[in-house]
Amino acid sequence: MSGFIGILMLDTAFPRVVGDAGNADSYPFPVRLHVVAGAGSPDIVRGRAPDPALIAAFVAAARALEAEGALGIISTCGFLVHIQDALAAAVEIPVMVSTLSLYPALRLSFGTKPIGILTASRDSLLGGALQSAGVDPGAVHVAGMQDCAAFAGAILSHKSDQPDVLDSRAIARHCTDLARGMVAQHPGLGCFLLECGNLPPYAAAIRRATGRPVYGILDAAALLWRGAQG
């Protein structure tokens, strides 16, 4: 079957390294990137839905990808979970814009073991995004990358302030340290869920550091791709 997975991208300027949801080389199947103009990180990484004009822009982008032949749609930012329902209702193909949508399956898979969520912004996730995803904040352990200067300065800033070079080593160290700390505090942790589409490049390092499975938006994309193959 021909086709591709469509990727709704935030309007950013920082480098997208291999493994990032916004790098086409991160996928072993065809993808097509669609930047939603004006949708900067500060507009989306928050505890509530984007402004109505941006929601309309994302809906239009999803419909455009469907018209071009997309078999499914994901995104580069898990905080778009706030508009998951609106996007899914706007097209006839499956939509999973946030890794948080994988949570129910992981919850069943790991039984009583708690799940750790690594996110771009802890306050924003706990401030409304988990509720939008139908996740009980009391049932998960959350750590955020907002205090990592290399991450926040590049990824959470306004587009005009974003650098041309990404300090991937510093980001890798910070997220693996967060993950180790979560396991030390919660030894029964079953797995990690990466809310942020910029964190999958470090999934292997997190696995090695903690011995726990790690799931991200690339896994959601693979699920949609496999389901569409006849």
Protein backbone atom coordinates (compact mmCIF):
# COMPACT_ATOMS: atom_id res chain seq x y z
CA MET A 1 0.00 0.00 0.00
CA SER A 2 1.33 3.43 -0.89
CA GLY A 3 0.93 6.40 1.40
CA PHE A 4 2.70 7.93 4.35
CA ILE A 5 2.28 9.02 7.96
CA GLY A 6 1.56 12.73 8.25
CA ILE A 7 3.35 14.72 10.92
CA LEU A 8 1.93 17.96 12.29
CA MET A 9 4.93 20.08 13.24
CA LEU A 10 5.27 23.07 15.49
CA ASP A 11 6.78 26.17 13.88
CA THR A 12 10.33 26.00 15.26
CA ALA A 13 13.92 26.73 14.21
CA PHE A 14 16.05 24.44 16.41
CA PRO A 15 17.80 21.46 14.74
CA ARG A 16 15.80 18.24 14.52
CA VAL A 17 18.29 15.44 15.19
CA VAL A 18 17.67 11.87 14.04
CA GLY A 19 15.17 10.32 16.43
CA ASP A 20 13.25 13.58 16.83
CA ALA A 21 9.64 13.31 15.68
CA GLY A 22 10.24 16.19 13.26
CA ASN A 23 13.10 14.52 11.37
CA ALA A 24 11.95 12.35 8.44
CA ASP A 25 15.02 10.12 8.87
CA SER A 26 13.67 9.01 12.27
CA TYR A 27 11.17 6.69 10.56
CA PRO A 28 11.62 3.42 8.62
CA PHE A 29 8.56 4.24 6.48
CA PRO A 30 7.43 7.26 4.43
CA VAL A 31 6.38 10.37 6.32
CA ARG A 32 5.43 13.88 5.32
CA LEU A 33 6.08 16.92 7.52
CA HIS A 34 3.57 19.76 7.70
CA VAL A 35 4.63 22.84 9.67
CA VAL A 36 1.69 24.73 11.17
CA ALA A 37 2.74 28.35 10.75
CA GLY A 38 2.63 30.41 13.91
CA ALA A 39 2.37 27.42 16.24
CA GLY A 40 5.43 28.08 18.37
CA SER A 41 6.44 26.08 21.41
CA PRO A 42 5.15 28.65 23.95
CA ASP A 43 1.77 28.59 22.15
CA ILE A 44 1.36 24.83 22.52
CA VAL A 45 3.39 23.65 25.54
CA ARG A 46 0.89 24.71 28.17
CA GLY A 47 -1.84 23.31 30.37
CA ARG A 48 -4.72 24.24 28.11
CA ALA A 49 -5.72 24.08 24.45
CA PRO A 50 -4.18 26.45 21.90
CA ASP A 51 -6.02 29.58 20.84
CA PRO A 52 -8.97 28.96 18.45
CA ALA A 53 -7.10 30.29 15.41
CA LEU A 54 -4.31 27.77 15.97
CA ILE A 55 -6.77 24.94 16.50
CA ALA A 56 -8.33 25.82 13.13
CA ALA A 57 -4.85 25.84 11.56
CA PHE A 58 -4.08 22.37 12.92
CA VAL A 59 -7.42 21.04 11.69
CA ALA A 60 -6.73 22.48 8.24
CA ALA A 61 -3.26 20.92 8.26
CA ALA A 62 -4.65 17.51 9.23
CA ARG A 63 -7.19 17.69 6.42
CA ALA A 64 -4.49 18.71 3.96
CA LEU A 65 -2.33 15.72 4.93
CA GLU A 66 -5.32 13.41 4.54
CA ALA A 67 -6.05 14.84 1.08
CA GLU A 68 -2.41 14.26 0.10
CA GLY A 69 -2.66 10.57 1.00
CA ALA A 70 -1.71 10.27 4.66
CA LEU A 71 -2.63 6.94 6.24
CA GLY A 72 -2.46 8.35 9.77
CA ILE A 73 -1.35 11.48 11.59
CA ILE A 74 0.95 12.13 14.56
CA SER A 75 2.62 15.33 15.77
CA THR A 76 5.87 16.64 17.19
CA CYS A 77 4.34 17.83 20.47
CA GLY A 78 2.45 15.77 23.03
CA PHE A 79 0.67 18.85 24.35
CA LEU A 80 -1.54 18.73 21.27
CA VAL A 81 -3.43 16.12 23.26
CA HIS A 82 -5.68 19.06 24.15
CA ILE A 83 -7.06 18.95 20.59
CA GLN A 84 -6.76 15.20 19.93
CA ASP A 85 -10.54 14.79 19.77
CA ALA A 86 -11.02 17.76 17.44
CA LEU A 87 -8.34 16.52 15.04
CA ALA A 88 -9.60 12.93 15.07
CA ALA A 89 -13.12 14.15 14.31
CA ALA A 90 -11.92 16.31 11.43
CA VAL A 91 -10.49 13.48 9.29
CA GLU A 92 -11.30 9.88 8.38
CA ILE A 93 -7.81 8.50 9.08
CA PRO A 94 -6.46 7.61 12.55
CA VAL A 95 -4.88 10.41 14.56
CA MET A 96 -2.56 10.10 17.55
CA VAL A 97 -0.92 13.46 18.13
CA SER A 98 0.39 12.65 21.61
CA THR A 99 2.26 9.76 23.14
CA LEU A 100 -0.07 10.21 26.10
CA SER A 101 -2.69 8.40 24.00
CA LEU A 102 -0.61 5.22 24.50
CA TYR A 103 -1.07 5.45 28.26
CA PRO A 104 -4.22 3.26 28.59
CA ALA A 105 -2.53 0.36 26.79
CA LEU A 106 0.63 0.71 28.87
CA ARG A 107 -1.42 0.95 32.06
CA LEU A 108 -3.01 -2.42 31.24
CA SER A 109 0.31 -3.91 30.09
CA PHE A 110 2.22 -3.09 33.26
CA GLY A 111 -0.50 -3.94 35.76
CA THR A 112 0.08 -2.32 39.13
CA LYS A 113 3.55 -1.01 38.26
CA PRO A 114 3.62 2.79 38.08
CA ILE A 115 4.51 4.58 34.85
CA GLY A 116 7.00 7.41 34.63
CA ILE A 117 6.37 10.29 32.23
CA LEU A 118 9.18 12.49 30.97
CA THR A 119 7.82 15.75 29.62
CA ALA A 120 8.98 19.07 28.20
CA SER A 121 7.25 20.96 31.01
CA ARG A 122 6.18 19.38 34.28
CA ASP A 123 3.97 22.27 35.35
CA SER A 124 2.13 22.35 32.02
CA LEU A 125 1.63 18.59 32.01
CA LEU A 126 0.24 18.57 35.54
CA GLY A 127 -1.64 21.80 34.87
CA GLY A 128 -4.10 20.27 32.43
CA ALA A 129 -2.50 18.09 29.76
CA LEU A 130 -2.80 14.87 31.75
CA GLN A 131 -6.47 15.55 32.34
CA SER A 132 -6.99 16.15 28.61
CA ALA A 133 -5.39 12.76 28.00
CA GLY A 134 -7.64 11.09 30.58
CA VAL A 135 -4.66 10.27 32.80
CA ASP A 136 -5.03 10.46 36.57
CA PRO A 137 -2.13 12.66 37.76
CA GLY A 138 -2.03 10.67 40.99
CA ALA A 139 -1.37 7.43 39.11
CA VAL A 140 1.89 8.49 37.40
CA HIS A 141 5.29 9.91 38.27
CA VAL A 142 6.30 12.97 36.25
CA ALA A 143 9.63 14.67 35.59
CA GLY A 144 10.16 17.61 33.26
CA MET A 145 12.96 18.99 31.11
CA GLN A 146 12.13 22.65 31.82
CA ASP A 147 15.17 23.08 34.08
CA CYS A 148 17.63 21.79 31.48
CA ALA A 149 19.16 24.91 29.92
CA ALA A 150 20.18 23.12 26.73
CA PHE A 151 16.64 21.84 26.26
CA ALA A 152 14.58 24.81 27.42
CA GLY A 153 16.75 27.38 25.67
CA ALA A 154 16.41 25.58 22.34
CA ILE A 155 13.01 23.92 22.41
CA LEU A 156 10.78 25.85 24.80
CA SER A 157 11.80 29.33 23.69
CA HIS A 158 10.33 31.53 20.98
CA LYS A 159 11.38 30.64 17.44
CA SER A 160 13.42 33.82 17.06
CA ASP A 161 15.49 32.87 20.13
CA GLN A 162 16.14 29.25 19.17
CA PRO A 163 19.75 28.26 18.40
CA ASP A 164 21.22 26.76 15.25
CA VAL A 165 23.02 24.06 17.24
CA LEU A 166 21.46 21.63 19.73
CA ASP A 167 23.51 20.40 22.69
CA SER A 168 22.26 16.83 22.45
CA ARG A 169 24.82 15.53 24.94
CA ALA A 170 23.62 17.88 27.66
CA ILE A 171 19.99 16.98 26.93
CA ALA A 172 20.82 13.27 27.02
CA ARG A 173 22.59 13.63 30.37
CA HIS A 174 19.72 15.57 31.87
CA CYS A 175 16.93 13.24 30.79
CA THR A 176 18.83 10.10 31.79
CA ASP A 177 19.60 11.66 35.18
CA LEU A 178 15.89 12.43 35.60
CA ALA A 179 15.00 8.86 34.68
CA ARG A 180 17.56 7.39 37.08
CA GLY A 181 16.25 9.60 39.84
CA MET A 182 12.69 8.45 39.22
CA VAL A 183 13.72 4.79 39.42
CA ALA A 184 15.72 5.43 42.59
CA GLN A 185 12.70 7.07 44.17
CA HIS A 186 10.20 4.57 42.75
CA PRO A 187 11.99 1.21 42.27
CA GLY A 188 8.80 -0.48 41.09
CA LEU A 189 8.52 1.78 38.04
CA GLY A 190 7.38 -0.29 35.07
CA CYS A 191 8.25 1.88 32.08
CA PHE A 192 8.77 5.39 30.78
CA LEU A 193 6.48 7.34 28.48
CA LEU A 194 8.05 10.26 26.60
CA GLU A 195 5.46 13.01 26.19
CA CYS A 196 7.81 15.17 24.18
CA GLY A 197 8.52 14.49 20.51
CA ASN A 198 12.05 15.83 21.00
CA LEU A 199 13.01 13.13 23.52
CA PRO A 200 12.98 9.89 21.45
CA PRO A 201 16.64 10.45 20.38
CA TYR A 202 17.52 9.67 23.99
CA ALA A 203 15.22 6.68 24.50
CA ALA A 204 18.02 4.13 24.12
CA ALA A 205 20.16 5.96 26.69
CA ILE A 206 17.24 6.01 29.12
CA ARG A 207 16.71 2.26 28.62
CA ARG A 208 20.38 1.55 29.29
CA ALA A 209 20.45 3.81 32.34
CA THR A 210 17.31 2.42 33.98
CA GLY A 211 16.67 -1.04 32.55
CA ARG A 212 13.08 0.03 31.85
CA PRO A 213 11.17 0.01 28.55
CA VAL A 214 10.69 3.44 26.96
CA TYR A 215 7.84 4.48 24.67
CA GLY A 216 7.54 7.58 22.52
CA ILE A 217 5.69 9.12 19.59
CA LEU A 218 7.73 7.11 17.07
CA ASP A 219 6.04 4.02 18.50
CA ALA A 220 2.65 5.63 17.90
CA ALA A 221 3.65 6.37 14.31
CA ALA A 222 4.75 2.75 13.79
CA LEU A 223 1.44 1.52 15.20
CA LEU A 224 -0.55 3.65 12.76
CA TRP A 225 1.69 2.63 9.85
CA ARG A 226 1.45 -1.11 10.54
CA GLY A 227 -2.30 -0.92 10.99
CA ALA A 228 -2.68 0.63 7.53
CA GLN A 229 -0.68 -2.02 5.70
CA GLY A 230 -2.69 -4.66 3.90
